[in-house]
Amino acid sequence: MAFCGLCGGTYDGASGPPPSAHHECNERLAMEPPRYCAACRRRMKVQVTPLGWSAECSRHGVLVP
């Protein structure tokens, strides 16, 4: 199952908004770092620097753009 990186909702529509509801989330993710792990829905530790960002999931490690 895949999860939205911005709001943490599911993409399958089974337990949350339908995939079309994440259109705004996808637009915002183009400019912002993800806040939730797309694999496990855990909240990530995000660090924003002048040169970019990094996000770390406690289970899946570091994600960089």
PDB file of N, CA and C in Angstrom:
ATOM      1  N   MET A   1       0.837  -1.164   0.000  1.00  0.00           N
ATOM      2  CA  MET A   1       0.000   0.000   0.000  1.00  0.00           C
ATOM      3  C   MET A   1       0.891   1.240   0.000  1.00  0.00           C
ATOM      4  N   ALA A   2       0.496   2.242  -0.718  1.00  0.00           N
ATOM      5  CA  ALA A   2       1.260   3.484  -0.795  1.00  0.00           C
ATOM      6  C   ALA A   2       0.516   4.598  -0.062  1.00  0.00           C
ATOM      7  N   PHE A   3       1.284   5.506   0.513  1.00  0.00           N
ATOM      8  CA  PHE A   3       0.722   6.604   1.280  1.00  0.00           C
ATOM      9  C   PHE A   3       1.201   7.940   0.722  1.00  0.00           C
ATOM     10  N   CYS A   4       0.407   8.967   0.930  1.00  0.00           N
ATOM     11  CA  CYS A   4       0.754  10.319   0.501  1.00  0.00           C
ATOM     12  C   CYS A   4       1.872  10.850   1.395  1.00  0.00           C
ATOM     13  N   GLY A   5       2.900  11.427   0.796  1.00  0.00           N
ATOM     14  CA  GLY A   5       4.024  11.960   1.561  1.00  0.00           C
ATOM     15  C   GLY A   5       3.707  13.246   2.291  1.00  0.00           C
ATOM     16  N   LEU A   6       2.637  13.925   1.920  1.00  0.00           N
ATOM     17  CA  LEU A   6       2.302  15.195   2.556  1.00  0.00           C
ATOM     18  C   LEU A   6       1.284  15.037   3.679  1.00  0.00           C
ATOM     19  N   CYS A   7       0.180  14.334   3.423  1.00  0.00           N
ATOM     20  CA  CYS A   7      -0.876  14.226   4.439  1.00  0.00           C
ATOM     21  C   CYS A   7      -0.925  12.858   5.109  1.00  0.00           C
ATOM     22  N   GLY A   8      -0.262  11.844   4.550  1.00  0.00           N
ATOM     23  CA  GLY A   8      -0.254  10.513   5.130  1.00  0.00           C
ATOM     24  C   GLY A   8      -1.444   9.655   4.751  1.00  0.00           C
ATOM     25  N   GLY A   9      -2.342  10.165   3.912  1.00  0.00           N
ATOM     26  CA  GLY A   9      -3.512   9.397   3.486  1.00  0.00           C
ATOM     27  C   GLY A   9      -3.129   8.298   2.507  1.00  0.00           C
ATOM     28  N   THR A  10      -4.017   7.316   2.365  1.00  0.00           N
ATOM     29  CA  THR A  10      -3.743   6.213   1.451  1.00  0.00           C
ATOM     30  C   THR A  10      -4.059   6.619   0.018  1.00  0.00           C
ATOM     31  N   TYR A  11      -3.348   6.029  -0.932  1.00  0.00           N
ATOM     32  CA  TYR A  11      -3.596   6.289  -2.342  1.00  0.00           C
ATOM     33  C   TYR A  11      -4.624   5.341  -2.935  1.00  0.00           C
ATOM     34  N   ASP A  12      -4.952   4.242  -2.255  1.00  0.00           N
ATOM     35  CA  ASP A  12      -5.889   3.277  -2.823  1.00  0.00           C
ATOM     36  C   ASP A  12      -7.352   3.645  -2.615  1.00  0.00           C
ATOM     37  N   GLY A  13      -7.626   4.598  -1.742  1.00  0.00           N
ATOM     38  CA  GLY A  13      -8.995   5.025  -1.499  1.00  0.00           C
ATOM     39  C   GLY A  13      -9.761   4.123  -0.553  1.00  0.00           C
ATOM     40  N   ALA A  14      -9.151   3.068  -0.033  1.00  0.00           N
ATOM     41  CA  ALA A  14      -9.849   2.124   0.833  1.00  0.00           C
ATOM     42  C   ALA A  14     -10.171   2.727   2.200  1.00  0.00           C
ATOM     43  N   SER A  15      -9.250   3.455   2.764  1.00  0.00           N
ATOM     44  CA  SER A  15      -9.486   4.020   4.099  1.00  0.00           C
ATOM     45  C   SER A  15      -9.080   5.482   4.116  1.00  0.00           C
ATOM     46  N   GLY A  16      -9.749   6.267   3.328  1.00  0.00           N
ATOM     47  CA  GLY A  16      -9.446   7.685   3.296  1.00  0.00           C
ATOM     48  C   GLY A  16      -9.949   8.308   2.016  1.00  0.00           C
ATOM     49  N   PRO A  17      -9.469   9.493   1.704  1.00  0.00           N
ATOM     50  CA  PRO A  17      -9.939  10.169   0.503  1.00  0.00           C
ATOM     51  C   PRO A  17      -9.507   9.434  -0.763  1.00  0.00           C
ATOM     52  N   PRO A  18     -10.242   9.583  -1.856  1.00  0.00           N
ATOM     53  CA  PRO A  18      -9.860   8.931  -3.111  1.00  0.00           C
ATOM     54  C   PRO A  18      -8.565   9.509  -3.659  1.00  0.00           C
ATOM     55  N   PRO A  19      -7.881   8.781  -4.556  1.00  0.00           N
ATOM     56  CA  PRO A  19      -6.599   9.253  -5.090  1.00  0.00           C
ATOM     57  C   PRO A  19      -6.679  10.644  -5.715  1.00  0.00           C
ATOM     58  N   SER A  20      -7.808  11.005  -6.290  1.00  0.00           N
ATOM     59  CA  SER A  20      -7.933  12.329  -6.899  1.00  0.00           C
ATOM     60  C   SER A  20      -7.840  13.436  -5.852  1.00  0.00           C
ATOM     61  N   ALA A  21      -8.115  13.118  -4.592  1.00  0.00           N
ATOM     62  CA  ALA A  21      -8.029  14.110  -3.523  1.00  0.00           C
ATOM     63  C   ALA A  21      -6.581  14.498  -3.244  1.00  0.00           C
ATOM     64  N   HIS A  22      -5.636  13.708  -3.697  1.00  0.00           N
ATOM     65  CA  HIS A  22      -4.229  14.000  -3.447  1.00  0.00           C
ATOM     66  C   HIS A  22      -3.600  14.843  -4.555  1.00  0.00           C
ATOM     67  N   HIS A  23      -4.404  15.349  -5.469  1.00  0.00           N
ATOM     68  CA  HIS A  23      -3.873  16.198  -6.544  1.00  0.00           C
ATOM     69  C   HIS A  23      -3.190  17.442  -5.958  1.00  0.00           C
ATOM     70  N   GLU A  24      -3.839  18.068  -4.979  1.00  0.00           N
ATOM     71  CA  GLU A  24      -3.244  19.248  -4.339  1.00  0.00           C
ATOM     72  C   GLU A  24      -1.985  18.868  -3.558  1.00  0.00           C
ATOM     73  N   CYS A  25      -2.003  17.712  -2.913  1.00  0.00           N
ATOM     74  CA  CYS A  25      -0.822  17.246  -2.178  1.00  0.00           C
ATOM     75  C   CYS A  25       0.366  17.078  -3.131  1.00  0.00           C
ATOM     76  N   ASN A  26       0.114  16.473  -4.303  1.00  0.00           N
ATOM     77  CA  ASN A  26       1.185  16.264  -5.277  1.00  0.00           C
ATOM     78  C   ASN A  26       1.751  17.593  -5.774  1.00  0.00           C
ATOM     79  N   GLU A  27       0.903  18.599  -5.938  1.00  0.00           N
ATOM     80  CA  GLU A  27       1.389  19.916  -6.346  1.00  0.00           C
ATOM     81  C   GLU A  27       2.255  20.538  -5.258  1.00  0.00           C
ATOM     82  N   ARG A  28       1.838  20.390  -4.003  1.00  0.00           N
ATOM     83  CA  ARG A  28       2.621  20.952  -2.897  1.00  0.00           C
ATOM     84  C   ARG A  28       3.938  20.213  -2.696  1.00  0.00           C
ATOM     85  N   LEU A  29       3.957  18.891  -2.966  1.00  0.00           N
ATOM     86  CA  LEU A  29       5.187  18.114  -2.811  1.00  0.00           C
ATOM     87  C   LEU A  29       6.255  18.515  -3.827  1.00  0.00           C
ATOM     88  N   ALA A  30       5.857  19.197  -4.889  1.00  0.00           N
ATOM     89  CA  ALA A  30       6.842  19.688  -5.850  1.00  0.00           C
ATOM     90  C   ALA A  30       7.690  20.799  -5.230  1.00  0.00           C
ATOM     91  N   MET A  31       7.144  21.495  -4.229  1.00  0.00           N
ATOM     92  CA  MET A  31       7.845  22.610  -3.594  1.00  0.00           C
ATOM     93  C   MET A  31       8.262  22.341  -2.145  1.00  0.00           C
ATOM     94  N   GLU A  32       7.647  21.356  -1.504  1.00  0.00           N
ATOM     95  CA  GLU A  32       7.899  21.065  -0.096  1.00  0.00           C
ATOM     96  C   GLU A  32       8.436  19.645   0.077  1.00  0.00           C
ATOM     97  N   PRO A  33       9.170  19.398   1.152  1.00  0.00           N
ATOM     98  CA  PRO A  33       9.597  18.014   1.420  1.00  0.00           C
ATOM     99  C   PRO A  33       8.431  17.185   1.934  1.00  0.00           C
ATOM    100  N   PRO A  34       8.478  15.863   1.769  1.00  0.00           N
ATOM    101  CA  PRO A  34       7.425  15.004   2.310  1.00  0.00           C
ATOM    102  C   PRO A  34       7.490  14.983   3.831  1.00  0.00           C
ATOM    103  N   ARG A  35       6.362  14.822   4.463  1.00  0.00           N
ATOM    104  CA  ARG A  35       6.287  14.776   5.928  1.00  0.00           C
ATOM    105  C   ARG A  35       6.021  13.365   6.441  1.00  0.00           C
ATOM    106  N   TYR A  36       5.476  12.508   5.584  1.00  0.00           N
ATOM    107  CA  TYR A  36       5.155  11.127   5.960  1.00  0.00           C
ATOM    108  C   TYR A  36       5.877  10.166   5.031  1.00  0.00           C
ATOM    109  N   CYS A  37       6.294   9.030   5.561  1.00  0.00           N
ATOM    110  CA  CYS A  37       6.948   7.999   4.762  1.00  0.00           C
ATOM    111  C   CYS A  37       5.912   7.376   3.832  1.00  0.00           C
ATOM    112  N   ALA A  38       6.229   7.295   2.550  1.00  0.00           N
ATOM    113  CA  ALA A  38       5.305   6.731   1.564  1.00  0.00           C
ATOM    114  C   ALA A  38       5.160   5.220   1.717  1.00  0.00           C
ATOM    115  N   ALA A  39       6.090   4.566   2.396  1.00  0.00           N
ATOM    116  CA  ALA A  39       6.036   3.112   2.554  1.00  0.00           C
ATOM    117  C   ALA A  39       5.284   2.672   3.810  1.00  0.00           C
ATOM    118  N   CYS A  40       5.408   3.436   4.904  1.00  0.00           N
ATOM    119  CA  CYS A  40       4.826   2.964   6.165  1.00  0.00           C
ATOM    120  C   CYS A  40       3.941   3.972   6.886  1.00  0.00           C
ATOM    121  N   ARG A  41       3.804   5.179   6.354  1.00  0.00           N
ATOM    122  CA  ARG A  41       2.938   6.231   6.894  1.00  0.00           C
ATOM    123  C   ARG A  41       3.431   6.820   8.211  1.00  0.00           C
ATOM    124  N   ARG A  42       4.671   6.550   8.588  1.00  0.00           N
ATOM    125  CA  ARG A  42       5.212   7.155   9.804  1.00  0.00           C
ATOM    126  C   ARG A  42       5.621   8.598   9.524  1.00  0.00           C
ATOM    127  N   ARG A  43       5.492   9.442  10.518  1.00  0.00           N
ATOM    128  CA  ARG A  43       5.928  10.832  10.422  1.00  0.00           C
ATOM    129  C   ARG A  43       7.456  10.821  10.350  1.00  0.00           C
ATOM    130  N   MET A  44       8.017  11.612   9.433  1.00  0.00           N
ATOM    131  CA  MET A  44       9.468  11.636   9.259  1.00  0.00           C
ATOM    132  C   MET A  44      10.076  12.876   9.900  1.00  0.00           C
ATOM    133  N   LYS A  45      11.354  12.752  10.235  1.00  0.00           N
ATOM    134  CA  LYS A  45      12.133  13.876  10.738  1.00  0.00           C
ATOM    135  C   LYS A  45      12.681  14.607   9.512  1.00  0.00           C
ATOM    136  N   VAL A  46      12.252  15.854   9.306  1.00  0.00           N
ATOM    137  CA  VAL A  46      12.606  16.614   8.110  1.00  0.00           C
ATOM    138  C   VAL A  46      13.548  17.748   8.480  1.00  0.00           C
ATOM    139  N   GLN A  47      14.614  17.914   7.691  1.00  0.00           N
ATOM    140  CA  GLN A  47      15.545  19.018   7.880  1.00  0.00           C
ATOM    141  C   GLN A  47      15.640  19.787   6.571  1.00  0.00           C
ATOM    142  N   VAL A  48      15.326  21.085   6.633  1.00  0.00           N
ATOM    143  CA  VAL A  48      15.380  21.953   5.462  1.00  0.00           C
ATOM    144  C   VAL A  48      16.604  22.851   5.600  1.00  0.00           C
ATOM    145  N   THR A  49      17.423  22.898   4.564  1.00  0.00           N
ATOM    146  CA  THR A  49      18.618  23.740   4.535  1.00  0.00           C
ATOM    147  C   THR A  49      18.533  24.669   3.330  1.00  0.00           C
ATOM    148  N   PRO A  50      19.393  25.668   3.251  1.00  0.00           N
ATOM    149  CA  PRO A  50      19.379  26.545   2.079  1.00  0.00           C
ATOM    150  C   PRO A  50      19.651  25.803   0.762  1.00  0.00           C
ATOM    151  N   LEU A  51      20.293  24.655   0.831  1.00  0.00           N
ATOM    152  CA  LEU A  51      20.632  23.906  -0.373  1.00  0.00           C
ATOM    153  C   LEU A  51      19.636  22.802  -0.712  1.00  0.00           C
ATOM    154  N   GLY A  52      18.644  22.560   0.134  1.00  0.00           N
ATOM    155  CA  GLY A  52      17.689  21.492  -0.131  1.00  0.00           C
ATOM    156  C   GLY A  52      17.067  20.975   1.145  1.00  0.00           C
ATOM    157  N   TRP A  53      16.741  19.692   1.168  1.00  0.00           N
ATOM    158  CA  TRP A  53      16.124  19.080   2.328  1.00  0.00           C
ATOM    159  C   TRP A  53      16.509  17.614   2.421  1.00  0.00           C
ATOM    160  N   SER A  54      16.294  17.043   3.609  1.00  0.00           N
ATOM    161  CA  SER A  54      16.406  15.601   3.811  1.00  0.00           C
ATOM    162  C   SER A  54      15.316  15.193   4.779  1.00  0.00           C
ATOM    163  N   ALA A  55      14.825  13.978   4.616  1.00  0.00           N
ATOM    164  CA  ALA A  55      13.781  13.450   5.486  1.00  0.00           C
ATOM    165  C   ALA A  55      14.193  12.057   5.916  1.00  0.00           C
ATOM    166  N   GLU A  56      13.979  11.742   7.197  1.00  0.00           N
ATOM    167  CA  GLU A  56      14.404  10.448   7.725  1.00  0.00           C
ATOM    168  C   GLU A  56      13.240   9.716   8.374  1.00  0.00           C
ATOM    169  N   CYS A  57      12.996   8.497   7.901  1.00  0.00           N
ATOM    170  CA  CYS A  57      12.010   7.600   8.499  1.00  0.00           C
ATOM    171  C   CYS A  57      12.743   6.690   9.474  1.00  0.00           C
ATOM    172  N   SER A  58      12.140   6.443  10.630  1.00  0.00           N
ATOM    173  CA  SER A  58      12.800   5.600  11.622  1.00  0.00           C
ATOM    174  C   SER A  58      12.954   4.154  11.139  1.00  0.00           C
ATOM    175  N   ARG A  59      12.144   3.727  10.181  1.00  0.00           N
ATOM    176  CA  ARG A  59      12.209   2.363   9.666  1.00  0.00           C
ATOM    177  C   ARG A  59      12.923   2.250   8.318  1.00  0.00           C
ATOM    178  N   HIS A  60      12.807   3.262   7.453  1.00  0.00           N
ATOM    179  CA  HIS A  60      13.297   3.150   6.091  1.00  0.00           C
ATOM    180  C   HIS A  60      14.489   4.052   5.764  1.00  0.00           C
ATOM    181  N   GLY A  61      14.987   4.783   6.730  1.00  0.00           N
ATOM    182  CA  GLY A  61      16.199   5.564   6.534  1.00  0.00           C
ATOM    183  C   GLY A  61      15.958   6.937   5.913  1.00  0.00           C
ATOM    184  N   VAL A  62      17.026   7.481   5.330  1.00  0.00           N
ATOM    185  CA  VAL A  62      17.028   8.857   4.843  1.00  0.00           C
ATOM    186  C   VAL A  62      16.543   8.915   3.400  1.00  0.00           C
ATOM    187  N   LEU A  63      15.715   9.926   3.134  1.00  0.00           N
ATOM    188  CA  LEU A  63      15.221  10.207   1.788  1.00  0.00           C
ATOM    189  C   LEU A  63      15.707  11.597   1.408  1.00  0.00           C
ATOM    190  N   VAL A  64      16.376  11.711   0.271  1.00  0.00           N
ATOM    191  CA  VAL A  64      16.832  13.005  -0.225  1.00  0.00           C
ATOM    192  C   VAL A  64      16.313  13.180  -1.656  1.00  0.00           C
ATOM    193  N   PRO A  65      16.110  14.437  -2.084  1.00  0.00           N
ATOM    194  CA  PRO A  65      15.562  14.654  -3.440  1.00  0.00           C
ATOM    195  C   PRO A  65      16.458  14.190  -4.550  1.00  0.00           C
TER     196      PRO A  65
END
